[in-house]
Protein backbone atom coordinates (compact mmCIF):
# COMPACT_ATOMS: atom_id res chain seq x y z
CA MET A 1 15.88 -9.36 25.92
CA SER A 2 13.35 -6.58 26.48
CA LEU A 3 10.43 -6.15 24.11
CA ILE A 4 10.87 -2.36 24.10
CA LYS A 5 14.35 -2.81 22.61
CA TYR A 6 12.85 -4.71 19.73
CA GLU A 7 10.30 -1.99 19.23
CA ILE A 8 13.03 0.67 19.21
CA LEU A 9 15.09 -1.28 16.65
CA ASN A 10 12.05 -1.66 14.38
CA THR A 11 11.22 2.02 14.60
CA VAL A 12 14.81 3.04 13.78
CA VAL A 13 14.67 0.74 10.70
CA GLU A 14 11.27 2.17 9.70
CA TYR A 15 12.55 5.77 9.81
CA ASP A 16 16.19 5.12 8.82
CA SER A 17 17.16 7.57 11.56
CA LEU A 18 17.85 7.58 15.29
CA THR A 19 16.56 11.12 15.59
CA LYS A 20 13.27 10.43 13.77
CA ALA A 21 12.77 7.25 15.71
CA SER A 22 13.19 9.09 19.03
CA GLU A 23 10.60 11.65 17.90
CA ALA A 24 8.16 8.92 16.81
CA LEU A 25 8.57 7.08 20.14
CA ASN A 26 8.62 10.33 22.22
CA ILE A 27 11.87 9.46 23.95
CA THR A 28 15.33 10.99 23.80
CA GLN A 29 17.81 10.14 21.10
CA SER A 30 20.28 9.01 23.79
CA ALA A 31 17.63 6.54 25.09
CA VAL A 32 17.27 5.12 21.56
CA SER A 33 21.08 4.86 21.16
CA HIS A 34 21.39 3.20 24.52
CA ALA A 35 18.70 0.65 23.74
CA ILE A 36 20.34 -0.26 20.38
CA ALA A 37 23.78 -0.49 22.02
CA SER A 38 22.34 -2.76 24.71
CA LEU A 39 20.63 -4.97 22.19
CA GLU A 40 23.86 -5.28 20.15
CA SER A 41 25.74 -6.16 23.35
CA GLU A 42 23.24 -8.91 24.10
CA CYS A 43 23.44 -10.23 20.57
CA GLY A 44 27.22 -10.03 20.38
CA PHE A 45 27.33 -8.22 17.05
CA SER A 46 26.41 -4.88 15.43
CA LEU A 47 22.91 -4.43 14.16
CA LEU A 48 23.17 -1.04 12.45
CA HIS A 49 25.64 0.75 10.24
CA ARG A 50 25.70 4.41 11.30
CA SER A 51 26.70 7.22 8.93
CA ARG A 52 25.98 10.93 8.23
CA SER A 53 23.29 9.90 5.73
CA GLY A 54 21.47 7.81 8.34
CA VAL A 55 21.45 4.24 9.54
CA ARG A 56 20.93 0.90 7.88
CA LEU A 57 20.84 -2.69 9.02
CA THR A 58 23.99 -4.81 8.98
CA ALA A 59 23.77 -8.28 7.42
CA GLU A 60 23.39 -9.70 10.84
CA GLY A 61 20.68 -7.14 11.74
CA GLU A 62 18.76 -8.13 8.60
CA ARG A 63 18.75 -11.72 9.73
CA ILE A 64 17.16 -11.02 13.04
CA LEU A 65 14.77 -8.23 12.05
CA GLY A 66 12.08 -10.70 10.95
CA TYR A 67 12.22 -12.46 14.32
CA THR A 68 11.97 -9.21 16.25
CA ARG A 69 8.87 -8.24 14.24
CA GLU A 70 7.32 -11.67 14.87
CA ILE A 71 7.90 -11.27 18.58
CA ILE A 72 6.34 -7.83 18.61
CA ARG A 73 3.40 -9.08 16.54
CA TRP A 74 2.66 -11.98 18.84
CA ALA A 75 3.00 -9.82 21.88
CA GLU A 76 0.56 -7.34 20.40
CA LEU A 77 -1.85 -10.12 19.47
CA MET A 78 -1.74 -11.46 23.07
CA ASN A 79 -2.44 -8.02 24.51
CA GLN A 80 -5.34 -7.54 22.16
CA GLU A 81 -6.80 -10.88 23.12
CA ILE A 82 -6.47 -10.06 26.85
CA SER A 83 -8.27 -6.78 26.24
CA LEU A 84 -11.08 -8.49 24.44
CA ILE A 85 -11.48 -10.94 27.29
CA ARG A 86 -11.74 -7.86 29.64
CA GLY A 87 -14.29 -6.36 27.35
CA ALA A 88 -12.13 -3.63 25.71
CA GLU A 89 -10.66 -3.15 22.21
CA ILE A 90 -7.05 -1.94 21.90
CA GLY A 91 -4.27 -2.48 19.43
CA THR A 92 -2.32 -1.23 16.40
CA VAL A 93 -2.87 -2.24 12.80
CA ARG A 94 -0.24 -1.40 10.21
CA ILE A 95 -1.79 -0.98 6.78
CA GLY A 96 0.05 -0.79 3.39
CA THR A 97 -1.82 1.33 0.84
CA PHE A 98 -1.38 2.78 -2.61
CA ALA A 99 -2.35 6.27 -3.81
CA SER A 100 -5.86 5.75 -5.23
CA VAL A 101 -7.02 3.74 -2.20
CA SER A 102 -5.55 6.41 0.12
CA THR A 103 -7.46 9.10 -1.78
CA GLN A 104 -10.77 7.50 -2.61
CA TRP A 105 -11.39 4.95 0.21
CA LEU A 106 -9.33 5.52 3.32
CA PRO A 107 -10.70 8.87 4.45
CA GLY A 108 -14.23 7.37 4.75
CA ILE A 109 -13.05 4.07 6.14
CA LEU A 110 -10.87 5.59 8.79
CA LYS A 111 -13.59 8.06 9.84
CA GLN A 112 -16.00 5.16 10.33
CA PHE A 113 -13.36 2.97 12.03
CA ARG A 114 -12.33 5.67 14.51
CA LEU A 115 -15.96 6.17 15.58
CA ARG A 116 -16.56 2.46 16.15
CA HIS A 117 -13.13 1.36 17.46
CA PRO A 118 -11.54 4.35 19.18
CA GLY A 119 -9.05 2.17 21.10
CA ILE A 120 -7.39 0.79 17.93
CA GLU A 121 -4.66 2.79 16.28
CA ILE A 122 -4.19 2.57 12.52
CA LYS A 123 -0.71 3.25 10.99
CA LEU A 124 -0.48 3.77 7.26
CA TRP A 125 2.43 2.92 4.98
CA GLU A 126 1.90 4.31 1.43
CA GLY A 127 3.93 2.92 -1.46
CA ASP A 128 3.56 1.08 -4.77
CA TYR A 129 2.59 -2.55 -5.22
CA ALA A 130 6.20 -3.81 -4.98
CA GLU A 131 6.84 -1.89 -1.78
CA ILE A 132 3.58 -3.21 -0.17
CA GLU A 133 4.45 -6.75 -1.08
CA ASN A 134 7.93 -6.36 0.41
CA TRP A 135 6.50 -4.91 3.64
CA LEU A 136 4.05 -7.82 3.88
CA ALA A 137 6.82 -10.40 3.29
CA SER A 138 9.06 -8.78 5.96
CA GLY A 139 6.29 -8.45 8.50
CA ALA A 140 6.47 -4.64 8.62
CA ILE A 141 2.74 -4.35 7.99
CA ASP A 142 -0.23 -6.51 8.96
CA LEU A 143 -2.49 -5.87 5.92
CA GLY A 144 -1.85 -4.44 2.46
CA PHE A 145 -4.20 -3.16 -0.24
CA LEU A 146 -3.06 -4.58 -3.53
CA SER A 147 -4.16 -5.14 -7.12
CA LEU A 148 -4.56 -8.92 -7.03
CA GLY A 149 -3.03 -10.93 -9.87
CA ASP A 150 -3.61 -14.53 -10.90
CA SER A 151 -1.41 -15.78 -8.19
CA SER A 152 -0.08 -14.37 -4.90
CA PRO A 153 2.29 -15.57 -2.18
CA PHE A 154 -0.13 -14.03 0.33
CA GLU A 155 -3.64 -14.88 1.55
CA THR A 156 -6.06 -12.39 0.08
CA ILE A 157 -9.60 -11.02 0.35
CA THR A 158 -11.13 -9.61 -2.84
CA LEU A 159 -12.87 -6.28 -2.43
CA GLN A 160 -13.82 -4.56 -5.74
CA LYS A 161 -13.34 -4.63 -9.47
CA ASP A 162 -11.91 -1.39 -10.93
CA ARG A 163 -12.26 -1.00 -14.71
CA MET A 164 -9.33 0.02 -16.80
CA MET A 165 -10.16 3.09 -18.91
CA CYS A 166 -8.50 4.72 -21.91
CA ILE A 167 -7.95 8.45 -21.18
CA LEU A 168 -7.74 10.92 -24.03
CA PRO A 169 -7.79 14.61 -24.68
CA ARG A 170 -11.43 15.75 -25.08
CA ASP A 171 -10.72 16.74 -28.74
CA HIS A 172 -9.08 13.38 -29.65
CA VAL A 173 -10.42 11.51 -32.66
CA PHE A 174 -11.39 8.56 -30.41
CA ALA A 175 -13.13 10.76 -27.81
CA SER A 176 -16.64 10.04 -29.22
CA LYS A 177 -16.22 6.25 -29.36
CA LYS A 178 -18.24 4.09 -26.97
CA SER A 179 -15.25 1.74 -26.59
CA VAL A 180 -11.79 1.28 -28.03
CA SER A 181 -9.90 -1.90 -28.86
CA PHE A 182 -6.41 -2.48 -27.51
CA GLU A 183 -5.18 -2.69 -31.11
CA LEU A 184 -6.21 0.91 -31.71
CA LEU A 185 -3.96 2.02 -28.85
CA LEU A 186 -0.93 0.74 -30.78
CA GLU A 187 -1.36 3.56 -33.28
CA GLN A 188 -1.16 6.33 -30.66
CA PRO A 189 1.67 7.90 -28.62
CA PHE A 190 1.29 6.26 -25.22
CA ILE A 191 2.09 7.42 -21.73
CA LEU A 192 2.92 4.35 -19.72
CA PRO A 193 2.00 4.33 -16.03
CA LYS A 194 5.20 3.12 -14.34
CA TRP A 195 4.09 1.63 -11.05
CA GLY A 196 6.24 -0.74 -8.99
CA GLY A 197 5.63 -4.47 -9.13
CA ASP A 198 3.77 -6.53 -11.67
CA ASN A 199 0.90 -4.15 -12.25
CA GLU A 200 -2.32 -4.52 -14.23
CA ILE A 201 -1.12 -2.36 -17.16
CA GLU A 202 1.88 -4.59 -17.71
CA ARG A 203 -0.28 -7.74 -17.41
CA LEU A 204 -2.69 -6.30 -20.04
CA ILE A 205 0.18 -5.54 -22.39
CA ARG A 206 1.52 -9.11 -21.95
CA GLN A 207 -1.96 -10.55 -22.56
CA HIS A 208 -2.13 -8.81 -25.96
CA ALA A 209 1.54 -9.50 -26.75
CA ALA A 210 1.60 -5.82 -27.80
CA LYS A 211 4.34 -3.29 -28.37
CA LEU A 212 2.94 0.21 -27.54
CA ASN A 213 4.41 3.39 -28.93
CA VAL A 214 5.61 4.55 -25.39
CA VAL A 215 6.64 8.21 -25.45
CA TYR A 216 6.82 8.72 -21.71
CA GLU A 217 6.92 6.51 -18.60
CA VAL A 218 5.39 8.27 -15.56
CA ALA A 219 4.70 7.09 -12.05
CA GLU A 220 2.28 9.76 -10.79
CA ASP A 221 -1.37 9.49 -11.82
CA GLN A 222 -1.94 13.23 -11.65
CA ALA A 223 1.05 13.83 -13.93
CA ILE A 224 -0.25 11.31 -16.47
CA MET A 225 -3.64 13.03 -16.51
CA ALA A 226 -2.01 16.47 -16.99
CA MET A 227 0.12 15.14 -19.86
CA VAL A 228 -2.93 13.61 -21.59
CA ARG A 229 -4.88 16.92 -21.20
CA ASN A 230 -2.05 18.69 -22.95
CA GLY A 231 -2.11 16.35 -25.90
CA LEU A 232 1.21 14.61 -25.25
CA GLY A 233 -0.32 11.12 -25.66
CA ILE A 234 -3.06 8.80 -24.42
CA SER A 235 -2.90 6.39 -21.51
CA LEU A 236 -4.72 3.74 -19.46
CA LEU A 237 -5.68 4.21 -15.88
CA PRO A 238 -8.10 2.54 -13.40
CA GLU A 239 -11.52 4.12 -13.13
CA MET A 240 -11.06 4.80 -9.42
CA VAL A 241 -8.16 7.12 -10.15
CA LEU A 242 -10.20 9.12 -12.62
CA GLN A 243 -13.02 10.20 -10.29
CA ASN A 244 -13.53 13.99 -10.41
CA HIS A 245 -11.66 14.21 -13.67
CA THR A 246 -14.51 13.38 -16.09
CA GLU A 247 -14.95 16.98 -17.32
CA SER A 248 -11.36 17.61 -18.32
CA LEU A 249 -10.64 14.22 -20.02
CA ALA A 250 -12.36 11.80 -22.35
CA LEU A 251 -12.75 8.46 -20.60
CA ILE A 252 -13.45 5.51 -22.90
CA PRO A 253 -13.83 1.89 -21.84
CA LEU A 254 -11.61 -0.78 -23.42
CA GLU A 255 -13.23 -3.57 -25.37
CA GLY A 256 -13.42 -6.66 -23.22
CA ASP A 257 -13.94 -4.57 -20.11
CA PRO A 258 -10.54 -5.41 -18.42
CA TYR A 259 -10.19 -4.51 -14.78
CA ARG A 260 -7.95 -4.71 -11.75
CA MET A 261 -9.24 -6.58 -8.67
CA ILE A 262 -8.46 -4.51 -5.55
CA GLY A 263 -8.09 -6.64 -2.42
CA LEU A 264 -6.44 -6.90 0.94
CA ALA A 265 -3.51 -9.25 1.46
CA CYS A 266 -1.76 -10.63 4.52
CA ALA A 267 0.70 -13.35 5.49
CA SER A 268 -1.97 -15.46 7.20
CA LEU A 269 -5.63 -14.83 7.73
CA ARG A 270 -5.70 -17.28 10.58
CA ASN A 271 -3.02 -15.48 12.51
CA LEU A 272 -4.47 -11.96 12.13
CA SER A 273 -4.90 -9.93 15.28
CA PRO A 274 -8.42 -9.09 16.51
CA ALA A 275 -7.76 -5.48 15.59
CA ALA A 276 -6.78 -6.35 12.03
CA ARG A 277 -9.94 -8.43 11.69
CA ARG A 278 -12.00 -5.44 12.82
CA PHE A 279 -10.33 -3.36 10.18
CA ILE A 280 -11.17 -5.91 7.44
CA GLU A 281 -14.85 -5.95 8.63
CA GLU A 282 -15.06 -2.17 8.52
CA VAL A 283 -13.53 -2.02 4.99
CA GLN A 284 -16.07 -4.53 3.72
CA GLN A 285 -18.98 -2.81 5.38
CA TRP A 286 -17.92 0.64 4.13
CA LEU A 287 -17.69 -0.64 0.57
CA ILE A 288 -21.20 -2.09 0.78
CA SER A 289 -22.94 0.84 2.45
CA GLY A 290 -20.86 3.39 4.32
CA ARG A 291 -19.36 5.11 1.26
CA GLU A 292 -22.79 6.53 0.41
CA ASN A 293 -22.40 8.81 3.43
CA PHE A 294 -18.86 9.96 2.63
């Protein structure tokens, strides 16, 4: 079976569309359809359900998708190693990222990375923690930025602590406090950040065995801040998210200084491609020194 057919199948699954896959691969839709049909003929069963709303994997397609991704990954790794032996750097690194990292870190990291490694392509998949973990588990991405918990099924590299802050309207009675206890939060209408996966807010609530007075559950950080500014409640958000919002909100540390630990996760550090290793090195270096120039 041809490697290009596996790549086409994976692109179709990524975009949930034959048309979008053909555009991403810069080939005709008929070529995509032919490759899928040929692969299905070689396998002896259907790989995709086709409908007006798009395409999705059959049960049989789901069973082989992980193998096709592994084949592509190992082929990519071999090509990168060959290029290194020849004195060149090429490759593709697929990165899972969440909103605050995409906004605060990645512009500077990618600018620096492109200058130093122009032959390596970076592809970004943005989602919540649960989606990033699923992409890692399925092999869709090579590395994922995550908030690291006490345990993880992946191998991880810790990067930076990010303090959890209580955010309040500037005229709130707590706005002049140097810090607030978690118990004080129980008395206030609370806007709960509703991110996917087992996130740091939920872990903090479990740690205190607390029942907050939740008036809204909101996924978007910007929406949470707007609701707090308008006096609809208070909330908790990581300090990174709150950069550039210090004038419109009161930001008060929590007692005990709880934080999330941002890190990079992967299925196996040992089996990372040379290009993925270069990305990790650039992230670490940017966090130490490069961000000052961004």
